[in-house]
Amino acid sequence: MLEEGTYFMKGNHVIAEAAIIAGCRFFGAYPITPASPIAERMSYRLFEEGGEFIQMEDEIASMAAIIGASCAGAKSMTATSGPGVSLMLENIGLAYMMEAPVVIVDVMRGGPSTGMPTLTSQGDINQVRWGSHGDYDVIAYCPSTVQECFDLTIKAFNAAEKYRVPVFIMADQILGLMTSNVKVPRLRDIKIVDRETPMDGDDTYQPYDSSTLVPPMAIAGHGHHVLMTGLTHDERGYPATNPEGQEKLMSRLKRKIYENIDDIVELEEFMLEDAELAIVAYGSEARSVREAIKQAREKGLKVGMLRFKTIWPFPERQVNELSRRVKKIMVAEVNLGQLVHPVREYAVCEVVALTHSGGALHPPAEVLRRIEEEMK
């Protein structure tokens, strides 16, 4: 396990090391560019740390494997890119319904289909939120630096364990393959959250107890009678496929996210104190936006950035409050307009989009040019 210190590491490798520190002891995945370095690292590091690594036959099996490992008590993770997420979506919905805490790393690349395997994109933002059928919610963190690959991986595991949900780490090709400094604090200073489990021999235990938002999670083989199914179920885990059962279960699954939204959502404000134009950005794209804002400020333009470290659940209140402080919001992203839609839904000011079809970030000069146009 990495000790306290400063390391010069690739973003993908930092995610792997942070996962181990967070307690990950099972990794199941199928190779895919540009996420394969995570699997490569985990293939020998988990062996050194007493964990298990399995290269599965495909992404469908990978997702099923980490759900099974989680139900057996192991903190579990997989890593993939957009086409792999497409294959995982049915089992991601299963993990949500079973309340199995798992972490999915999506190192985004150009798409759709095979797209651009070796070039960057932010085209999976809506896929991870809306890809499964039915009503479901996920937590998704979006690092912008190699340091945040470490910090947000820890947060992802903690959130998965605390709320019993699938959690995404939305990296991208540039960040995953970027090498930079990362500071690892003393291990005893890193907050690690483990799932709550029931007492052994508790005959009153119900695996989906509706009296609490997040019921304790029994571990397979510890003596509790637990049924796990993708069907709508009651507190015991037995099928309850009727309107009443659906309402009772689904309302709790949604409330456990949205009643804790202020604890989950993490944002960064950059030069927003007196801004007239606010740019919403995330991931590697935020690096270009930050540089453009510095140049715009030198020209006397009042512009700042709201950077999303948490993409989902969407920070509805913060976006609405921001829209009341500024004249206009611009959403900058490396897709043809995905996060701009929920921003428009909750903003009361004008919202415009700065989009890129993928393969590269907006150069700071292009962002600056657009800032000047919007602030005329």
Protein backbone atom coordinates (compact mmCIF):
# COMPACT_ATOMS: atom_id res chain seq x y z
CA MET A 1 0.00 0.00 0.00
CA LEU A 2 1.30 3.46 -0.87
CA GLU A 3 2.84 5.23 2.10
CA GLU A 4 2.70 8.92 2.87
CA GLY A 5 4.62 10.96 0.30
CA THR A 6 4.59 12.60 -3.11
CA TYR A 7 4.54 10.36 -6.18
CA PHE A 8 4.86 11.04 -9.91
CA MET A 9 2.18 8.77 -11.36
CA LYS A 10 -0.28 8.24 -14.18
CA GLY A 11 -3.91 9.05 -13.41
CA ASN A 12 -5.09 5.50 -14.09
CA HIS A 13 -2.46 4.08 -11.75
CA VAL A 14 -3.42 6.57 -9.04
CA ILE A 15 -7.04 5.37 -9.24
CA ALA A 16 -5.85 1.79 -8.74
CA GLU A 17 -3.68 2.68 -5.74
CA ALA A 18 -6.38 4.82 -4.15
CA ALA A 19 -8.88 1.98 -4.55
CA ILE A 20 -6.55 -0.34 -2.64
CA ILE A 21 -6.16 2.22 0.14
CA ALA A 22 -9.95 2.58 0.27
CA GLY A 23 -10.18 -1.16 0.88
CA CYS A 24 -10.83 -2.58 -2.60
CA ARG A 25 -9.94 -6.26 -2.60
CA PHE A 26 -11.74 -7.47 -5.73
CA PHE A 27 -11.37 -6.23 -9.28
CA GLY A 28 -13.08 -7.76 -12.28
CA ALA A 29 -12.77 -6.21 -15.74
CA TYR A 30 -12.25 -6.72 -19.44
CA PRO A 31 -9.46 -4.83 -21.27
CA ILE A 32 -10.44 -1.64 -23.07
CA THR A 33 -8.59 1.47 -24.20
CA PRO A 34 -7.93 3.81 -22.38
CA ALA A 35 -8.84 2.11 -19.07
CA SER A 36 -6.61 -0.97 -19.38
CA PRO A 37 -3.72 0.49 -17.30
CA ILE A 38 -6.02 0.31 -14.25
CA ALA A 39 -6.55 -3.42 -14.79
CA GLU A 40 -2.86 -3.97 -15.46
CA ARG A 41 -1.93 -2.27 -12.21
CA MET A 42 -4.58 -4.09 -10.20
CA SER A 43 -3.55 -7.46 -11.65
CA TYR A 44 -0.40 -7.52 -9.56
CA ARG A 45 -1.08 -4.95 -6.84
CA LEU A 46 -4.17 -6.76 -5.55
CA PHE A 47 -2.15 -9.98 -5.37
CA GLU A 48 0.42 -8.12 -3.21
CA GLU A 49 -2.35 -6.78 -0.95
CA GLY A 50 -4.19 -10.08 -0.48
CA GLY A 51 -7.00 -9.34 -2.92
CA GLU A 52 -8.35 -10.98 -6.05
CA PHE A 53 -8.09 -9.93 -9.70
CA ILE A 54 -10.06 -11.62 -12.49
CA GLN A 55 -10.01 -10.74 -16.17
CA MET A 56 -13.56 -11.58 -17.20
CA GLU A 57 -14.72 -12.72 -20.63
CA ASP A 58 -16.55 -9.44 -21.26
CA GLU A 59 -17.93 -6.32 -19.53
CA ILE A 60 -21.28 -7.97 -18.79
CA ALA A 61 -19.53 -10.63 -16.73
CA SER A 62 -17.22 -8.04 -15.16
CA MET A 63 -20.15 -6.12 -13.72
CA ALA A 64 -21.82 -9.31 -12.51
CA ALA A 65 -18.58 -10.40 -10.84
CA ILE A 66 -18.10 -7.25 -8.81
CA ILE A 67 -21.75 -7.36 -7.68
CA GLY A 68 -21.24 -10.92 -6.47
CA ALA A 69 -17.99 -10.03 -4.72
CA SER A 70 -19.65 -7.07 -3.03
CA CYS A 71 -22.46 -9.27 -1.72
CA ALA A 72 -19.79 -11.60 -0.34
CA GLY A 73 -18.34 -8.68 1.64
CA ALA A 74 -15.52 -7.40 -0.58
CA LYS A 75 -15.14 -3.81 -1.68
CA SER A 76 -15.20 -4.21 -5.44
CA MET A 77 -14.37 -2.21 -8.56
CA THR A 78 -14.27 -2.45 -12.33
CA ALA A 79 -12.80 -0.10 -14.94
CA THR A 80 -13.94 0.44 -18.51
CA SER A 81 -14.77 3.03 -21.14
CA GLY A 82 -17.95 4.01 -22.98
CA PRO A 83 -18.57 0.82 -25.00
CA GLY A 84 -17.99 -1.23 -21.86
CA VAL A 85 -20.45 0.88 -19.86
CA SER A 86 -23.03 0.20 -22.58
CA LEU A 87 -22.67 -3.53 -21.92
CA MET A 88 -22.71 -3.12 -18.14
CA LEU A 89 -25.90 -1.09 -17.91
CA GLU A 90 -28.34 -3.93 -17.24
CA ASN A 91 -26.22 -5.16 -14.35
CA ILE A 92 -25.71 -1.62 -13.09
CA GLY A 93 -29.49 -1.46 -12.74
CA LEU A 94 -29.32 -4.80 -10.91
CA ALA A 95 -26.72 -3.41 -8.48
CA TYR A 96 -28.98 -0.44 -7.81
CA MET A 97 -32.00 -2.66 -7.13
CA MET A 98 -29.97 -5.03 -4.94
CA GLU A 99 -28.29 -2.07 -3.19
CA ALA A 100 -24.88 -3.60 -3.82
CA PRO A 101 -22.05 -1.08 -3.23
CA VAL A 102 -19.68 -1.14 -6.21
CA VAL A 103 -17.37 1.33 -7.95
CA ILE A 104 -17.21 1.68 -11.74
CA VAL A 105 -14.38 3.68 -13.33
CA ASP A 106 -15.28 5.09 -16.75
CA VAL A 107 -12.23 6.48 -18.57
CA MET A 108 -14.16 8.26 -21.30
CA ARG A 109 -13.15 8.19 -24.95
CA GLY A 110 -14.69 9.31 -28.23
CA GLY A 111 -17.91 7.65 -29.33
CA PRO A 112 -20.51 6.38 -30.08
CA SER A 113 -19.74 2.78 -31.03
CA THR A 114 -16.00 2.13 -31.34
CA GLY A 115 -15.50 5.84 -31.94
CA MET A 116 -12.02 7.11 -31.09
CA PRO A 117 -10.45 4.63 -28.66
CA THR A 118 -7.29 6.70 -28.10
CA LEU A 119 -8.80 10.20 -27.93
CA THR A 120 -10.70 11.98 -25.20
CA SER A 121 -14.38 12.79 -24.75
CA GLN A 122 -16.98 13.54 -22.10
CA GLY A 123 -19.70 11.73 -23.99
CA ASP A 124 -20.74 9.26 -21.27
CA ILE A 125 -22.17 11.82 -18.83
CA ASN A 126 -25.81 11.11 -19.66
CA GLN A 127 -25.22 7.42 -20.30
CA VAL A 128 -24.22 6.66 -16.72
CA ARG A 129 -27.17 8.63 -15.33
CA TRP A 130 -29.94 7.50 -17.68
CA GLY A 131 -28.62 4.29 -19.28
CA SER A 132 -30.53 1.74 -17.24
CA HIS A 133 -34.27 1.36 -17.71
CA GLY A 134 -36.64 2.44 -14.97
CA ASP A 135 -36.07 5.08 -12.32
CA TYR A 136 -32.64 4.88 -10.76
CA ASP A 137 -30.02 7.21 -9.33
CA VAL A 138 -26.27 6.99 -9.20
CA ILE A 139 -23.42 8.94 -7.69
CA ALA A 140 -20.74 10.05 -10.16
CA TYR A 141 -17.52 11.91 -9.36
CA CYS A 142 -15.50 13.68 -12.03
CA PRO A 143 -11.80 14.37 -11.29
CA SER A 144 -9.96 17.18 -13.05
CA THR A 145 -6.42 16.46 -11.84
CA VAL A 146 -4.30 13.42 -11.03
CA GLN A 147 -4.54 14.43 -7.38
CA GLU A 148 -8.32 14.28 -7.62
CA CYS A 149 -8.04 10.82 -9.16
CA PHE A 150 -6.76 9.84 -5.73
CA ASP A 151 -9.10 11.96 -3.59
CA LEU A 152 -12.31 11.19 -5.47
CA THR A 153 -11.59 7.46 -5.70
CA ILE A 154 -11.52 7.37 -1.90
CA LYS A 155 -14.78 9.34 -1.84
CA ALA A 156 -16.32 6.99 -4.40
CA PHE A 157 -15.70 3.92 -2.25
CA ASN A 158 -16.90 5.72 0.87
CA ALA A 159 -20.11 6.80 -0.85
CA ALA A 160 -20.75 3.33 -2.25
CA GLU A 161 -20.38 1.79 1.21
CA LYS A 162 -22.33 4.50 3.04
CA TYR A 163 -25.32 4.61 0.70
CA ARG A 164 -25.19 1.11 -0.82
CA VAL A 165 -25.24 2.29 -4.44
CA PRO A 166 -23.15 1.94 -7.61
CA VAL A 167 -20.73 4.88 -7.79
CA PHE A 168 -18.96 6.10 -10.93
CA ILE A 169 -15.57 7.74 -11.31
CA MET A 170 -15.81 9.68 -14.57
CA ALA A 171 -12.24 10.13 -15.74
CA ASP A 172 -11.25 10.67 -19.38
CA GLN A 173 -8.49 9.62 -21.77
CA ILE A 174 -6.35 12.70 -21.11
CA LEU A 175 -6.57 12.45 -17.34
CA GLY A 176 -6.18 8.68 -17.21
CA LEU A 177 -2.94 8.76 -19.21
CA MET A 178 -1.59 12.00 -17.74
CA THR A 179 1.40 11.78 -15.40
CA SER A 180 1.62 14.27 -12.55
CA ASN A 181 2.42 14.66 -8.86
CA VAL A 182 0.04 13.18 -6.32
CA LYS A 183 0.32 13.64 -2.57
CA VAL A 184 -0.67 10.70 -0.41
CA PRO A 185 -1.41 11.66 3.21
CA ARG A 186 -0.74 9.48 6.22
CA LEU A 187 -2.98 6.45 5.92
CA ARG A 188 -4.42 6.98 9.38
CA ASP A 189 -5.57 10.45 8.30
CA ILE A 190 -7.58 9.11 5.35
CA LYS A 191 -11.24 8.65 6.22
CA ILE A 192 -12.38 5.19 5.17
CA VAL A 193 -16.07 4.20 5.39
CA ASP A 194 -17.17 0.58 5.67
CA ARG A 195 -20.72 -0.64 5.18
CA GLU A 196 -22.89 -1.17 8.21
CA THR A 197 -23.62 -4.85 8.84
CA PRO A 198 -26.22 -6.50 11.09
CA MET A 199 -25.38 -8.31 14.28
CA ASP A 200 -24.71 -12.02 13.84
CA GLY A 201 -27.66 -14.05 15.05
CA ASP A 202 -30.14 -11.16 14.82
CA ASP A 203 -33.39 -12.97 14.00
CA THR A 204 -35.26 -9.69 13.42
CA TYR A 205 -32.97 -8.56 10.62
CA GLN A 206 -34.62 -7.59 7.35
CA PRO A 207 -32.18 -6.92 4.47
CA TYR A 208 -34.34 -4.13 2.99
CA ASP A 209 -35.80 -2.64 6.15
CA SER A 210 -37.87 0.39 5.11
CA SER A 211 -37.59 2.06 8.53
CA THR A 212 -34.13 3.31 7.55
CA LEU A 213 -32.92 4.84 4.30
CA VAL A 214 -29.83 2.61 4.12
CA PRO A 215 -30.35 -0.78 5.79
CA PRO A 216 -27.36 -2.73 7.14
CA MET A 217 -25.98 -5.15 4.57
CA ALA A 218 -25.61 -8.79 5.55
CA ILE A 219 -22.55 -10.62 4.28
CA ALA A 220 -23.04 -13.98 2.57
CA GLY A 221 -22.15 -16.84 4.88
CA HIS A 222 -22.66 -14.92 8.15
CA GLY A 223 -25.87 -16.69 9.11
CA HIS A 224 -28.59 -14.38 7.85
CA HIS A 225 -31.36 -15.48 5.51
CA VAL A 226 -31.09 -12.98 2.66
CA LEU A 227 -32.80 -13.01 -0.73
CA MET A 228 -31.35 -10.76 -3.45
CA THR A 229 -33.26 -10.17 -6.65
CA GLY A 230 -33.72 -7.65 -9.41
CA LEU A 231 -37.48 -7.91 -8.93
CA THR A 232 -39.31 -5.28 -6.92
CA HIS A 233 -39.16 -6.73 -3.41
CA ASP A 234 -40.32 -6.23 0.16
CA GLU A 235 -38.22 -5.75 3.29
CA ARG A 236 -37.37 -9.46 3.40
CA GLY A 237 -36.23 -9.54 -0.23
CA TYR A 238 -39.30 -11.47 -1.42
CA PRO A 239 -40.88 -10.32 -4.71
CA ALA A 240 -43.51 -7.59 -4.27
CA THR A 241 -44.28 -6.84 -7.89
CA ASN A 242 -47.28 -4.60 -7.35
CA PRO A 243 -47.80 -0.81 -7.32
CA GLU A 244 -47.61 -0.60 -3.54
CA GLY A 245 -44.35 -2.55 -3.36
CA GLN A 246 -42.84 -0.50 -6.18
CA GLU A 247 -43.73 2.80 -4.52
CA LYS A 248 -42.39 1.76 -1.13
CA LEU A 249 -39.07 0.47 -2.47
CA MET A 250 -38.35 3.03 -5.16
CA SER A 251 -39.20 6.04 -3.01
CA ARG A 252 -36.67 4.88 -0.40
CA LEU A 253 -33.97 4.22 -3.00
CA LYS A 254 -34.43 7.72 -4.39
CA ARG A 255 -34.66 9.41 -0.98
CA LYS A 256 -31.41 7.91 0.26
CA ILE A 257 -29.62 9.90 -2.46
CA TYR A 258 -31.60 13.14 -2.50
CA GLU A 259 -31.99 13.51 1.26
CA ASN A 260 -28.17 13.35 1.45
CA ILE A 261 -27.43 15.45 -1.62
CA ASP A 262 -25.60 18.19 0.30
CA ASP A 263 -23.24 15.59 1.77
CA ILE A 264 -22.59 13.97 -1.62
CA VAL A 265 -22.25 16.94 -3.97
CA GLU A 266 -18.83 18.59 -4.18
CA LEU A 267 -18.13 21.70 -6.28
CA GLU A 268 -15.35 24.23 -6.74
CA GLU A 269 -15.91 27.96 -7.26
CA PHE A 270 -13.17 29.76 -9.19
CA MET A 271 -13.21 33.57 -9.42
CA LEU A 272 -17.00 33.72 -9.09
CA GLU A 273 -17.17 36.45 -6.43
CA ASP A 274 -17.95 39.29 -8.87
CA ALA A 275 -18.52 37.27 -12.05
CA GLU A 276 -21.09 38.34 -14.63
CA LEU A 277 -20.49 35.25 -16.75
CA ALA A 278 -20.13 31.84 -15.07
CA ILE A 279 -18.70 28.85 -16.91
CA VAL A 280 -19.78 25.39 -15.79
CA ALA A 281 -17.07 22.82 -16.56
CA TYR A 282 -15.79 19.47 -15.33
CA GLY A 283 -12.99 16.97 -15.84
CA SER A 284 -10.04 17.78 -18.09
CA GLU A 285 -12.05 20.45 -19.91
CA ALA A 286 -12.00 22.53 -16.72
CA ARG A 287 -8.23 22.87 -17.09
CA SER A 288 -8.64 24.78 -20.38
CA VAL A 289 -11.46 26.85 -18.91
CA ARG A 290 -9.38 27.83 -15.87
CA GLU A 291 -6.54 29.11 -18.06
CA ALA A 292 -8.96 31.04 -20.29
CA ILE A 293 -10.55 32.69 -17.26
CA LYS A 294 -7.15 33.87 -16.02
CA GLN A 295 -6.50 35.48 -19.41
CA ALA A 296 -9.98 37.01 -19.49
CA ARG A 297 -9.47 38.51 -16.04
CA GLU A 298 -6.28 40.19 -17.28
CA LYS A 299 -8.48 41.90 -19.87
CA GLY A 300 -10.90 43.07 -17.19
CA LEU A 301 -13.66 40.58 -18.01
CA LYS A 302 -15.66 39.42 -14.99
CA VAL A 303 -15.88 35.69 -15.54
CA GLY A 304 -15.54 32.69 -13.23
CA MET A 305 -16.09 28.94 -13.14
CA LEU A 306 -18.29 26.53 -11.23
CA ARG A 307 -16.51 23.18 -11.52
CA PHE A 308 -18.47 20.02 -10.92
CA LYS A 309 -16.52 17.43 -8.95
CA THR A 310 -19.81 15.60 -8.53
CA ILE A 311 -21.78 15.21 -11.75
CA TRP A 312 -24.62 13.10 -10.31
CA PRO A 313 -26.71 13.69 -8.29
CA PHE A 314 -27.06 17.01 -10.05
CA PRO A 315 -26.42 20.06 -7.81
CA GLU A 316 -29.82 21.63 -8.44
CA ARG A 317 -29.77 24.18 -5.61
CA GLN A 318 -26.23 25.40 -6.31
CA VAL A 319 -26.92 25.92 -10.02
CA ASN A 320 -30.11 27.80 -9.28
CA GLU A 321 -28.34 30.04 -6.76
CA LEU A 322 -25.49 30.69 -9.20
CA SER A 323 -27.95 31.66 -11.94
CA ARG A 324 -29.35 34.39 -9.67
CA ARG A 325 -25.88 35.89 -9.14
CA VAL A 326 -24.70 36.10 -12.74
CA LYS A 327 -26.08 37.42 -16.04
CA LYS A 328 -25.29 34.32 -18.07
CA ILE A 329 -24.01 30.75 -17.70
CA MET A 330 -21.91 28.96 -20.31
CA VAL A 331 -21.53 25.17 -20.12
CA ALA A 332 -18.22 23.96 -21.58
CA GLU A 333 -17.96 20.24 -22.31
CA VAL A 334 -16.33 17.78 -24.71
CA ASN A 335 -19.57 16.49 -26.19
CA LEU A 336 -22.33 18.07 -28.24
CA GLY A 337 -24.31 19.22 -25.22
CA GLN A 338 -25.20 16.86 -22.35
CA LEU A 339 -24.84 18.58 -18.99
CA VAL A 340 -26.16 21.83 -20.49
CA HIS A 341 -29.71 20.44 -20.35
CA PRO A 342 -30.02 20.03 -16.55
CA VAL A 343 -28.23 23.38 -16.11
CA ARG A 344 -30.93 25.01 -18.24
CA GLU A 345 -33.61 23.24 -16.24
CA TYR A 346 -32.51 24.74 -12.91
CA ALA A 347 -31.08 28.09 -14.02
CA VAL A 348 -33.15 31.28 -14.20
CA CYS A 349 -30.64 33.19 -16.37
CA GLU A 350 -29.62 32.61 -19.99
CA VAL A 351 -27.60 29.40 -20.53
CA VAL A 352 -25.42 28.84 -23.61
CA ALA A 353 -23.29 25.88 -24.63
CA LEU A 354 -19.65 25.62 -25.66
CA THR A 355 -19.38 22.15 -27.15
CA HIS A 356 -16.79 19.98 -28.83
CA SER A 357 -17.56 16.72 -30.65
CA GLY A 358 -14.61 14.99 -28.98
CA GLY A 359 -11.01 14.06 -29.59
CA ALA A 360 -9.52 17.16 -27.96
CA LEU A 361 -10.24 19.79 -25.35
CA HIS A 362 -11.20 23.34 -26.24
CA PRO A 363 -7.92 25.30 -26.41
CA PRO A 364 -7.86 28.15 -23.87
CA ALA A 365 -7.71 30.64 -26.78
CA GLU A 366 -11.00 29.31 -28.14
CA VAL A 367 -12.65 29.50 -24.71
CA LEU A 368 -11.36 33.07 -24.33
CA ARG A 369 -12.75 34.04 -27.74
CA ARG A 370 -16.16 32.71 -26.76
CA ILE A 371 -16.01 34.53 -23.41
CA GLU A 372 -15.38 37.79 -25.24
CA GLU A 373 -18.31 37.13 -27.58
CA GLU A 374 -20.74 36.32 -24.79
CA MET A 375 -19.74 39.36 -22.72
CA LYS A 376 -20.11 41.95 -25.47
